[in-house]
Amino acid sequence: MERSRALSTLSLGFLTHDIYPSGTYLGGAAFYSGQTFHKLGARSWVYTTIGDDFGFEREIENLHTYMIQRGSTTSFANHYDEQGVRKQVVDAGAPPVDPRGIPSGMRSPDILLVCPVLGEVDLHAALKVAKAKLIGVGLQGYLRKIDVTQNTPSKFKRVMTCELQIDIDGLKRLDVVGLSEDDIVGQTDLIEFLCRHVKLVALTRGQSGCELFYHGSHVVLDAYPVDRVVDPTGAGDCFMAGLLYGLAIGRNPIEAAKLGMACGSIVIQARAGEALDRISEAWLLINTKNHQKK
């Protein structure tokens, strides 16, 4: 295993209840990224809001977590069709994640990852409070919203994609943004727009790998093969954490992205976050194959 000095990382976003047919599990990009940072060797901080019904304290006791608790925990249910396309519904019960409440000891991390699941973090407020050496944003939460037109008696509402909820001034302050191929459906010019304002743009394409856009370059990388994809939930969050960690320890974008893909390939091999304890195996995977396509 490779480890640098103990980097500090801060993940901002909801911890969620993810509902599966077999039960409810801990979820949220802040959970997946926070655990990935920790397993790679960082001192991992998570700042979040949860509800009074939150029931997963033991699953995060290895992290430095600061939780504002009121309302009900935001809950998701995911459904995947035969092509692997995800359809989501949500019960958005927790209040927004307010960066102004971040404790002083968490405000100067080596890596800041703003990773909302439903736009719950005010990016400008986060950048004003947390002064990080490397700043990344998982864009998914800024590219989806609740379908308020849906008329249903269920407390769960459909999640739908929307236009990017970050302005140009906010984008220009970022080092890295990450998003998936599902996030750009119907937004063919989004990648080009992001490339004009952000140093490094990473687009994940599931088992088809990822694409990197930086300094005028476009690089396509293969995914690490797995025997069976059990659950793709959290793969993009683990990828983003691995990518940022790699950059923070001095890897170039391609090598850093390989680390991110290795992390993502591990988490998809089990349900929910059950494979997160194996994330340190990513160090071995990144030495097994050259993933750059010619």
C-alpha atoms as a PDB file:
ATOM      1  CA  MET A   1       0.000   0.000   0.000  1.00  0.00           C
ATOM      2  CA  GLU A   2       1.197   3.506  -0.796  1.00  0.00           C
ATOM      3  CA  ARG A   3       0.643   6.297   1.699  1.00  0.00           C
ATOM      4  CA  SER A   4       1.705   9.879   1.736  1.00  0.00           C
ATOM      5  CA  ARG A   5       1.793  11.972   4.850  1.00  0.00           C
ATOM      6  CA  ALA A   6      -1.607  12.087   6.507  1.00  0.00           C
ATOM      7  CA  LEU A   7      -3.547  14.315   4.160  1.00  0.00           C
ATOM      8  CA  SER A   8      -6.700  15.915   5.529  1.00  0.00           C
ATOM      9  CA  THR A   9      -9.895  15.757   3.490  1.00  0.00           C
ATOM     10  CA  LEU A  10     -13.325  17.313   3.950  1.00  0.00           C
ATOM     11  CA  SER A  11     -16.464  15.957   2.263  1.00  0.00           C
ATOM     12  CA  LEU A  12     -19.600  18.120   2.294  1.00  0.00           C
ATOM     13  CA  GLY A  13     -23.029  16.673   1.577  1.00  0.00           C
ATOM     14  CA  PHE A  14     -25.897  14.605   2.913  1.00  0.00           C
ATOM     15  CA  LEU A  15     -25.529  11.237   4.542  1.00  0.00           C
ATOM     16  CA  THR A  16     -28.562   9.371   3.291  1.00  0.00           C
ATOM     17  CA  HIS A  17     -30.677   6.326   3.903  1.00  0.00           C
ATOM     18  CA  ASP A  18     -30.542   4.233   0.727  1.00  0.00           C
ATOM     19  CA  ILE A  19     -33.467   1.865   0.497  1.00  0.00           C
ATOM     20  CA  TYR A  20     -32.991  -1.554  -1.113  1.00  0.00           C
ATOM     21  CA  PRO A  21     -35.422  -4.470  -1.329  1.00  0.00           C
ATOM     22  CA  SER A  22     -33.289  -6.191   1.311  1.00  0.00           C
ATOM     23  CA  GLY A  23     -33.230  -3.261   3.721  1.00  0.00           C
ATOM     24  CA  THR A  24     -31.912   0.244   4.341  1.00  0.00           C
ATOM     25  CA  TYR A  25     -28.223   1.109   4.066  1.00  0.00           C
ATOM     26  CA  LEU A  26     -26.065   4.156   4.652  1.00  0.00           C
ATOM     27  CA  GLY A  27     -25.447   6.190   1.509  1.00  0.00           C
ATOM     28  CA  GLY A  28     -24.659   9.605   0.146  1.00  0.00           C
ATOM     29  CA  ALA A  29     -21.625  10.886  -1.731  1.00  0.00           C
ATOM     30  CA  ALA A  30     -20.118  12.246   1.493  1.00  0.00           C
ATOM     31  CA  PHE A  31     -20.204   8.733   2.981  1.00  0.00           C
ATOM     32  CA  TYR A  32     -18.638   6.994  -0.021  1.00  0.00           C
ATOM     33  CA  SER A  33     -15.993   9.658  -0.584  1.00  0.00           C
ATOM     34  CA  GLY A  34     -15.230  10.025   3.115  1.00  0.00           C
ATOM     35  CA  GLN A  35     -14.629   6.302   3.511  1.00  0.00           C
ATOM     36  CA  THR A  36     -12.539   6.183   0.326  1.00  0.00           C
ATOM     37  CA  PHE A  37     -10.314   9.003   1.528  1.00  0.00           C
ATOM     38  CA  HIS A  38      -9.923   7.235   4.863  1.00  0.00           C
ATOM     39  CA  LYS A  39      -9.066   3.846   3.336  1.00  0.00           C
ATOM     40  CA  LEU A  40      -6.477   5.477   1.060  1.00  0.00           C
ATOM     41  CA  GLY A  41      -4.732   6.934   4.082  1.00  0.00           C
ATOM     42  CA  ALA A  42      -6.215  10.375   4.734  1.00  0.00           C
ATOM     43  CA  ARG A  43      -7.581  11.967   7.868  1.00  0.00           C
ATOM     44  CA  SER A  44     -11.124  12.096   6.588  1.00  0.00           C
ATOM     45  CA  TRP A  45     -13.620  14.703   7.774  1.00  0.00           C
ATOM     46  CA  VAL A  46     -17.317  14.695   6.839  1.00  0.00           C
ATOM     47  CA  TYR A  47     -19.654  17.603   7.499  1.00  0.00           C
ATOM     48  CA  THR A  48     -23.321  16.798   6.968  1.00  0.00           C
ATOM     49  CA  THR A  49     -26.924  17.051   8.095  1.00  0.00           C
ATOM     50  CA  ILE A  50     -29.008  14.054   9.106  1.00  0.00           C
ATOM     51  CA  GLY A  51     -32.423  13.458  10.600  1.00  0.00           C
ATOM     52  CA  ASP A  52     -33.487  12.376  14.057  1.00  0.00           C
ATOM     53  CA  ASP A  53     -34.123   8.944  12.524  1.00  0.00           C
ATOM     54  CA  PHE A  54     -30.493   8.397  11.473  1.00  0.00           C
ATOM     55  CA  GLY A  55     -29.364   4.908  12.405  1.00  0.00           C
ATOM     56  CA  PHE A  56     -25.837   4.363  11.108  1.00  0.00           C
ATOM     57  CA  GLU A  57     -23.469   5.908  13.644  1.00  0.00           C
ATOM     58  CA  ARG A  58     -21.357   2.760  13.815  1.00  0.00           C
ATOM     59  CA  GLU A  59     -20.719   2.788  10.058  1.00  0.00           C
ATOM     60  CA  ILE A  60     -18.995   6.178  10.306  1.00  0.00           C
ATOM     61  CA  GLU A  61     -17.217   5.903  13.634  1.00  0.00           C
ATOM     62  CA  ASN A  62     -13.867   5.633  11.805  1.00  0.00           C
ATOM     63  CA  LEU A  63     -14.412   9.065  10.236  1.00  0.00           C
ATOM     64  CA  HIS A  64     -14.212  12.527  11.795  1.00  0.00           C
ATOM     65  CA  THR A  65     -17.868  13.367  11.270  1.00  0.00           C
ATOM     66  CA  TYR A  66     -19.693  16.532  12.344  1.00  0.00           C
ATOM     67  CA  MET A  67     -23.456  16.127  11.962  1.00  0.00           C
ATOM     68  CA  ILE A  68     -26.264  18.644  12.292  1.00  0.00           C
ATOM     69  CA  GLN A  69     -29.295  16.595  13.311  1.00  0.00           C
ATOM     70  CA  ARG A  70     -32.903  17.614  12.756  1.00  0.00           C
ATOM     71  CA  GLY A  71     -35.845  16.682  10.590  1.00  0.00           C
ATOM     72  CA  SER A  72     -35.657  13.301   8.893  1.00  0.00           C
ATOM     73  CA  THR A  73     -32.748  11.790   7.021  1.00  0.00           C
ATOM     74  CA  THR A  74     -32.953  12.242   3.252  1.00  0.00           C
ATOM     75  CA  SER A  75     -33.811   8.843   1.784  1.00  0.00           C
ATOM     76  CA  PHE A  76     -33.302   7.461  -1.705  1.00  0.00           C
ATOM     77  CA  ALA A  77     -34.583   4.411  -3.508  1.00  0.00           C
ATOM     78  CA  ASN A  78     -32.762   3.336  -6.669  1.00  0.00           C
ATOM     79  CA  HIS A  79     -34.130   1.178  -9.450  1.00  0.00           C
ATOM     80  CA  TYR A  80     -31.994  -0.115 -12.326  1.00  0.00           C
ATOM     81  CA  ASP A  81     -33.430  -1.398 -15.601  1.00  0.00           C
ATOM     82  CA  GLU A  82     -31.921  -4.200 -17.710  1.00  0.00           C
ATOM     83  CA  GLN A  83     -29.544  -1.724 -19.354  1.00  0.00           C
ATOM     84  CA  GLY A  84     -28.291  -0.507 -15.980  1.00  0.00           C
ATOM     85  CA  VAL A  85     -30.040   2.857 -16.243  1.00  0.00           C
ATOM     86  CA  ARG A  86     -30.898   4.182 -12.800  1.00  0.00           C
ATOM     87  CA  LYS A  87     -34.232   5.676 -11.833  1.00  0.00           C
ATOM     88  CA  GLN A  88     -34.362   7.393  -8.455  1.00  0.00           C
ATOM     89  CA  VAL A  89     -37.004   8.558  -6.043  1.00  0.00           C
ATOM     90  CA  VAL A  90     -36.315  10.598  -2.924  1.00  0.00           C
ATOM     91  CA  ASP A  91     -37.848  11.703   0.333  1.00  0.00           C
ATOM     92  CA  ALA A  92     -35.922  14.937   0.995  1.00  0.00           C
ATOM     93  CA  GLY A  93     -36.348  15.425   4.710  1.00  0.00           C
ATOM     94  CA  ALA A  94     -33.062  16.818   6.007  1.00  0.00           C
ATOM     95  CA  PRO A  95     -32.261  20.558   5.974  1.00  0.00           C
ATOM     96  CA  PRO A  96     -29.479  21.871   3.703  1.00  0.00           C
ATOM     97  CA  VAL A  97     -25.839  21.446   4.654  1.00  0.00           C
ATOM     98  CA  ASP A  98     -24.827  24.931   5.826  1.00  0.00           C
ATOM     99  CA  PRO A  99     -21.033  25.390   5.469  1.00  0.00           C
ATOM    100  CA  ARG A 100     -21.065  28.299   7.911  1.00  0.00           C
ATOM    101  CA  GLY A 101     -21.297  25.765  10.726  1.00  0.00           C
ATOM    102  CA  ILE A 102     -18.106  23.895   9.803  1.00  0.00           C
ATOM    103  CA  PRO A 103     -15.897  23.784  12.924  1.00  0.00           C
ATOM    104  CA  SER A 104     -12.716  25.838  12.740  1.00  0.00           C
ATOM    105  CA  GLY A 105     -10.532  22.740  12.952  1.00  0.00           C
ATOM    106  CA  MET A 106     -12.041  21.384   9.721  1.00  0.00           C
ATOM    107  CA  ARG A 107     -11.763  24.533   7.631  1.00  0.00           C
ATOM    108  CA  SER A 108      -8.279  24.112   6.125  1.00  0.00           C
ATOM    109  CA  PRO A 109      -8.131  20.637   4.572  1.00  0.00           C
ATOM    110  CA  ASP A 110      -5.670  19.512   1.928  1.00  0.00           C
ATOM    111  CA  ILE A 111      -8.657  18.384  -0.157  1.00  0.00           C
ATOM    112  CA  LEU A 112     -12.171  19.778  -0.188  1.00  0.00           C
ATOM    113  CA  LEU A 113     -14.820  17.711  -1.950  1.00  0.00           C
ATOM    114  CA  VAL A 114     -18.220  19.351  -2.255  1.00  0.00           C
ATOM    115  CA  CYS A 115     -20.492  16.437  -3.079  1.00  0.00           C
ATOM    116  CA  PRO A 116     -24.201  17.124  -2.650  1.00  0.00           C
ATOM    117  CA  VAL A 117     -26.763  14.556  -3.690  1.00  0.00           C
ATOM    118  CA  LEU A 118     -29.539  17.062  -4.309  1.00  0.00           C
ATOM    119  CA  GLY A 119     -28.004  20.555  -4.353  1.00  0.00           C
ATOM    120  CA  GLU A 120     -27.974  20.758  -0.555  1.00  0.00           C
ATOM    121  CA  VAL A 121     -24.614  22.570  -0.309  1.00  0.00           C
ATOM    122  CA  ASP A 122     -24.253  26.254  -1.245  1.00  0.00           C
ATOM    123  CA  LEU A 123     -20.995  26.125  -3.208  1.00  0.00           C
ATOM    124  CA  HIS A 124     -20.100  29.796  -2.761  1.00  0.00           C
ATOM    125  CA  ALA A 125     -20.611  29.508   0.992  1.00  0.00           C
ATOM    126  CA  ALA A 126     -18.464  26.377   1.096  1.00  0.00           C
ATOM    127  CA  LEU A 127     -15.608  28.029  -0.786  1.00  0.00           C
ATOM    128  CA  LYS A 128     -15.800  31.051   1.472  1.00  0.00           C
ATOM    129  CA  VAL A 129     -15.524  28.972   4.638  1.00  0.00           C
ATOM    130  CA  ALA A 130     -13.210  26.081   3.693  1.00  0.00           C
ATOM    131  CA  LYS A 131      -9.772  27.076   2.405  1.00  0.00           C
ATOM    132  CA  ALA A 132      -8.387  23.968   0.744  1.00  0.00           C
ATOM    133  CA  LYS A 133      -5.285  23.323  -1.313  1.00  0.00           C
ATOM    134  CA  LEU A 134      -7.243  21.216  -3.823  1.00  0.00           C
ATOM    135  CA  ILE A 135     -10.950  21.722  -4.518  1.00  0.00           C
ATOM    136  CA  GLY A 136     -13.213  19.229  -6.242  1.00  0.00           C
ATOM    137  CA  VAL A 137     -16.942  19.094  -6.847  1.00  0.00           C
ATOM    138  CA  GLY A 138     -19.102  16.105  -7.644  1.00  0.00           C
ATOM    139  CA  LEU A 139     -21.545  17.708 -10.025  1.00  0.00           C
ATOM    140  CA  GLN A 140     -24.337  15.149  -9.844  1.00  0.00           C
ATOM    141  CA  GLY A 141     -26.085  16.926  -6.979  1.00  0.00           C
ATOM    142  CA  TYR A 142     -26.015  20.185  -8.922  1.00  0.00           C
ATOM    143  CA  LEU A 143     -27.516  18.508 -11.994  1.00  0.00           C
ATOM    144  CA  ARG A 144     -30.669  17.016 -10.531  1.00  0.00           C
ATOM    145  CA  LYS A 145     -33.772  18.131  -8.702  1.00  0.00           C
ATOM    146  CA  ILE A 146     -37.068  16.822  -7.400  1.00  0.00           C
ATOM    147  CA  ASP A 147     -39.902  16.588  -9.887  1.00  0.00           C
ATOM    148  CA  VAL A 148     -42.354  18.948  -8.199  1.00  0.00           C
ATOM    149  CA  THR A 149     -44.935  18.369 -10.938  1.00  0.00           C
ATOM    150  CA  GLN A 150     -45.383  14.761  -9.920  1.00  0.00           C
ATOM    151  CA  ASN A 151     -48.772  14.221  -8.316  1.00  0.00           C
ATOM    152  CA  THR A 152     -48.571  11.175  -6.085  1.00  0.00           C
ATOM    153  CA  PRO A 153     -49.663  10.336  -2.530  1.00  0.00           C
ATOM    154  CA  SER A 154     -46.252   8.799  -1.853  1.00  0.00           C
ATOM    155  CA  LYS A 155     -43.738  10.825   0.150  1.00  0.00           C
ATOM    156  CA  PHE A 156     -41.108   9.730  -2.370  1.00  0.00           C
ATOM    157  CA  LYS A 157     -40.759  11.968  -5.414  1.00  0.00           C
ATOM    158  CA  ARG A 158     -39.019  11.299  -8.691  1.00  0.00           C
ATOM    159  CA  VAL A 159     -35.532  12.715  -9.193  1.00  0.00           C
ATOM    160  CA  MET A 160     -34.911  14.338 -12.561  1.00  0.00           C
ATOM    161  CA  THR A 161     -31.956  15.954 -14.285  1.00  0.00           C
ATOM    162  CA  CYS A 162     -31.746  19.713 -14.666  1.00  0.00           C
ATOM    163  CA  GLU A 163     -29.391  22.413 -15.909  1.00  0.00           C
ATOM    164  CA  LEU A 164     -26.199  22.985 -13.942  1.00  0.00           C
ATOM    165  CA  GLN A 165     -26.837  24.907 -10.724  1.00  0.00           C
ATOM    166  CA  ILE A 166     -23.361  26.482 -10.471  1.00  0.00           C
ATOM    167  CA  ASP A 167     -22.468  29.813 -12.049  1.00  0.00           C
ATOM    168  CA  ILE A 168     -19.283  30.578 -13.964  1.00  0.00           C
ATOM    169  CA  ASP A 169     -17.658  32.405 -11.044  1.00  0.00           C
ATOM    170  CA  GLY A 170     -18.066  29.311  -8.906  1.00  0.00           C
ATOM    171  CA  LEU A 171     -16.670  26.998 -11.583  1.00  0.00           C
ATOM    172  CA  LYS A 172     -13.556  29.111 -12.058  1.00  0.00           C
ATOM    173  CA  ARG A 173     -12.572  28.531  -8.434  1.00  0.00           C
ATOM    174  CA  LEU A 174     -12.543  24.751  -8.810  1.00  0.00           C
ATOM    175  CA  ASP A 175      -9.626  22.474  -9.621  1.00  0.00           C
ATOM    176  CA  VAL A 176     -11.612  19.362 -10.552  1.00  0.00           C
ATOM    177  CA  VAL A 177     -15.207  18.515 -11.382  1.00  0.00           C
ATOM    178  CA  GLY A 178     -16.572  15.027 -11.830  1.00  0.00           C
ATOM    179  CA  LEU A 179     -19.779  13.827 -13.438  1.00  0.00           C
ATOM    180  CA  SER A 180     -21.168  10.717 -15.116  1.00  0.00           C
ATOM    181  CA  GLU A 181     -22.589   9.983 -18.528  1.00  0.00           C
ATOM    182  CA  ASP A 182     -26.071   9.902 -16.952  1.00  0.00           C
ATOM    183  CA  ASP A 183     -25.613  13.528 -15.874  1.00  0.00           C
ATOM    184  CA  ILE A 184     -25.097  14.820 -19.410  1.00  0.00           C
ATOM    185  CA  VAL A 185     -28.142  13.241 -21.030  1.00  0.00           C
ATOM    186  CA  GLY A 186     -29.811  15.998 -23.033  1.00  0.00           C
ATOM    187  CA  GLN A 187     -26.963  18.426 -22.310  1.00  0.00           C
ATOM    188  CA  THR A 188     -24.583  17.846 -25.199  1.00  0.00           C
ATOM    189  CA  ASP A 189     -22.673  21.086 -24.706  1.00  0.00           C
ATOM    190  CA  LEU A 190     -22.118  20.721 -20.948  1.00  0.00           C
ATOM    191  CA  ILE A 191     -18.653  19.155 -21.159  1.00  0.00           C
ATOM    192  CA  GLU A 192     -17.430  21.865 -23.513  1.00  0.00           C
ATOM    193  CA  PHE A 193     -18.830  24.517 -21.171  1.00  0.00           C
ATOM    194  CA  LEU A 194     -17.118  22.982 -18.150  1.00  0.00           C
ATOM    195  CA  CYS A 195     -13.797  22.689 -19.958  1.00  0.00           C
ATOM    196  CA  ARG A 196     -13.776  26.426 -20.576  1.00  0.00           C
ATOM    197  CA  HIS A 197     -13.850  27.172 -16.864  1.00  0.00           C
ATOM    198  CA  VAL A 198     -12.416  24.233 -14.867  1.00  0.00           C
ATOM    199  CA  LYS A 199      -8.840  22.928 -14.939  1.00  0.00           C
ATOM    200  CA  LEU A 200      -9.753  19.225 -14.968  1.00  0.00           C
ATOM    201  CA  VAL A 201     -13.066  17.651 -15.974  1.00  0.00           C
ATOM    202  CA  ALA A 202     -13.593  13.925 -15.369  1.00  0.00           C
ATOM    203  CA  LEU A 203     -16.485  12.124 -17.050  1.00  0.00           C
ATOM    204  CA  THR A 204     -17.168   8.557 -15.902  1.00  0.00           C
ATOM    205  CA  ARG A 205     -18.843   6.040 -18.184  1.00  0.00           C
ATOM    206  CA  GLY A 206     -19.349   3.019 -15.936  1.00  0.00           C
ATOM    207  CA  GLN A 207     -17.684  -0.097 -17.291  1.00  0.00           C
ATOM    208  CA  SER A 208     -16.667   1.852 -20.400  1.00  0.00           C
ATOM    209  CA  GLY A 209     -14.092   3.768 -18.353  1.00  0.00           C
ATOM    210  CA  CYS A 210     -13.683   7.504 -18.074  1.00  0.00           C
ATOM    211  CA  GLU A 211     -12.657  10.569 -20.040  1.00  0.00           C
ATOM    212  CA  LEU A 212     -10.385  13.340 -18.830  1.00  0.00           C
ATOM    213  CA  PHE A 213     -10.324  16.877 -20.202  1.00  0.00           C
ATOM    214  CA  TYR A 214      -7.494  19.160 -19.085  1.00  0.00           C
ATOM    215  CA  HIS A 215      -5.133  21.717 -20.619  1.00  0.00           C
ATOM    216  CA  GLY A 216      -6.679  21.114 -24.028  1.00  0.00           C
ATOM    217  CA  SER A 217      -6.105  17.350 -23.818  1.00  0.00           C
ATOM    218  CA  HIS A 218      -8.726  14.626 -24.078  1.00  0.00           C
ATOM    219  CA  VAL A 219      -7.731  11.243 -22.649  1.00  0.00           C
ATOM    220  CA  VAL A 220      -9.875   8.087 -22.586  1.00  0.00           C
ATOM    221  CA  LEU A 221      -9.099   5.423 -19.998  1.00  0.00           C
ATOM    222  CA  ASP A 222     -10.378   1.868 -19.775  1.00  0.00           C
ATOM    223  CA  ALA A 223     -12.212   0.643 -16.715  1.00  0.00           C
ATOM    224  CA  TYR A 224     -10.763  -2.074 -14.516  1.00  0.00           C
ATOM    225  CA  PRO A 225     -12.546  -5.336 -15.332  1.00  0.00           C
ATOM    226  CA  VAL A 226     -14.674  -6.966 -12.651  1.00  0.00           C
ATOM    227  CA  ASP A 227     -16.270 -10.395 -12.670  1.00  0.00           C
ATOM    228  CA  ARG A 228     -19.712  -9.058 -11.784  1.00  0.00           C
ATOM    229  CA  VAL A 229     -21.238  -5.671 -11.046  1.00  0.00           C
ATOM    230  CA  VAL A 230     -23.392  -6.127  -7.962  1.00  0.00           C
ATOM    231  CA  ASP A 231     -24.347  -2.499  -7.258  1.00  0.00           C
ATOM    232  CA  PRO A 232     -23.005   0.607  -9.061  1.00  0.00           C
ATOM    233  CA  THR A 233     -24.152   2.949  -6.278  1.00  0.00           C
ATOM    234  CA  GLY A 234     -21.285   5.078  -4.981  1.00  0.00           C
ATOM    235  CA  ALA A 235     -18.844   4.223  -7.773  1.00  0.00           C
ATOM    236  CA  GLY A 236     -18.616   7.811  -9.013  1.00  0.00           C
ATOM    237  CA  ASP A 237     -18.090   9.119  -5.488  1.00  0.00           C
ATOM    238  CA  CYS A 238     -15.258   6.667  -4.851  1.00  0.00           C
ATOM    239  CA  PHE A 239     -13.761   7.556  -8.231  1.00  0.00           C
ATOM    240  CA  MET A 240     -13.799  11.256  -7.402  1.00  0.00           C
ATOM    241  CA  ALA A 241     -12.179  10.708  -4.010  1.00  0.00           C
ATOM    242  CA  GLY A 242      -9.474   8.518  -5.513  1.00  0.00           C
ATOM    243  CA  LEU A 243      -8.802  11.024  -8.290  1.00  0.00           C
ATOM    244  CA  LEU A 244      -8.431  13.906  -5.852  1.00  0.00           C
ATOM    245  CA  TYR A 245      -6.268  11.884  -3.499  1.00  0.00           C
ATOM    246  CA  GLY A 246      -3.986  10.906  -6.359  1.00  0.00           C
ATOM    247  CA  LEU A 247      -3.604  14.514  -7.463  1.00  0.00           C
ATOM    248  CA  ALA A 248      -2.908  15.623  -3.890  1.00  0.00           C
ATOM    249  CA  ILE A 249       0.002  13.199  -3.534  1.00  0.00           C
ATOM    250  CA  GLY A 250       1.550  14.422  -6.766  1.00  0.00           C
ATOM    251  CA  ARG A 251       0.230  12.010  -9.398  1.00  0.00           C
ATOM    252  CA  ASN A 252      -0.511  13.353 -12.862  1.00  0.00           C
ATOM    253  CA  PRO A 253      -4.176  13.397 -13.935  1.00  0.00           C
ATOM    254  CA  ILE A 254      -3.974  10.074 -15.778  1.00  0.00           C
ATOM    255  CA  GLU A 255      -2.378   8.227 -12.871  1.00  0.00           C
ATOM    256  CA  ALA A 256      -4.749   9.893 -10.420  1.00  0.00           C
ATOM    257  CA  ALA A 257      -7.754   8.869 -12.526  1.00  0.00           C
ATOM    258  CA  LYS A 258      -6.501   5.274 -12.566  1.00  0.00           C
ATOM    259  CA  LEU A 259      -6.540   5.318  -8.785  1.00  0.00           C
ATOM    260  CA  GLY A 260     -10.072   6.702  -8.877  1.00  0.00           C
ATOM    261  CA  MET A 261     -11.236   4.016 -11.284  1.00  0.00           C
ATOM    262  CA  ALA A 262      -9.637   1.317  -9.171  1.00  0.00           C
ATOM    263  CA  CYS A 263     -11.590   2.584  -6.143  1.00  0.00           C
ATOM    264  CA  GLY A 264     -14.805   2.631  -8.152  1.00  0.00           C
ATOM    265  CA  SER A 265     -14.228  -0.887  -9.482  1.00  0.00           C
ATOM    266  CA  ILE A 266     -13.996  -2.221  -5.939  1.00  0.00           C
ATOM    267  CA  VAL A 267     -17.147  -0.675  -4.489  1.00  0.00           C
ATOM    268  CA  ILE A 268     -19.392  -1.988  -7.304  1.00  0.00           C
ATOM    269  CA  GLN A 269     -18.569  -5.587  -6.413  1.00  0.00           C
ATOM    270  CA  ALA A 270     -20.849  -5.586  -3.364  1.00  0.00           C
ATOM    271  CA  ARG A 271     -24.128  -4.059  -2.260  1.00  0.00           C
ATOM    272  CA  ALA A 272     -24.177  -0.463  -1.023  1.00  0.00           C
ATOM    273  CA  GLY A 273     -20.950   0.260   0.896  1.00  0.00           C
ATOM    274  CA  GLU A 274     -20.163  -3.326   1.848  1.00  0.00           C
ATOM    275  CA  ALA A 275     -16.920  -3.364  -0.201  1.00  0.00           C
ATOM    276  CA  LEU A 276     -15.535  -0.070   1.123  1.00  0.00           C
ATOM    277  CA  ASP A 277     -13.231  -1.897   3.543  1.00  0.00           C
ATOM    278  CA  ARG A 278     -11.374  -3.197   0.465  1.00  0.00           C
ATOM    279  CA  ILE A 279     -10.607   0.233  -1.040  1.00  0.00           C
ATOM    280  CA  SER A 280      -6.920  -0.009  -0.095  1.00  0.00           C
ATOM    281  CA  GLU A 281      -6.659  -2.788  -2.705  1.00  0.00           C
ATOM    282  CA  ALA A 282      -6.780  -0.001  -5.286  1.00  0.00           C
ATOM    283  CA  TRP A 283      -3.045   0.522  -4.803  1.00  0.00           C
ATOM    284  CA  LEU A 284      -2.452  -2.978  -6.182  1.00  0.00           C
ATOM    285  CA  LEU A 285      -4.888  -2.614  -9.060  1.00  0.00           C
ATOM    286  CA  ILE A 286      -3.322   0.518 -10.502  1.00  0.00           C
ATOM    287  CA  ASN A 287      -0.104  -1.398 -11.215  1.00  0.00           C
ATOM    288  CA  THR A 288      -1.760  -4.227 -13.120  1.00  0.00           C
ATOM    289  CA  LYS A 289      -2.597  -2.670 -16.476  1.00  0.00           C
ATOM    290  CA  ASN A 290      -2.098   0.372 -18.669  1.00  0.00           C
ATOM    291  CA  HIS A 291      -5.574   1.865 -19.064  1.00  0.00           C
ATOM    292  CA  GLN A 292      -4.872   4.609 -21.550  1.00  0.00           C
ATOM    293  CA  LYS A 293      -6.462   3.981 -24.947  1.00  0.00           C
ATOM    294  CA  LYS A 294      -4.465   4.820 -28.021  1.00  0.00           C
END
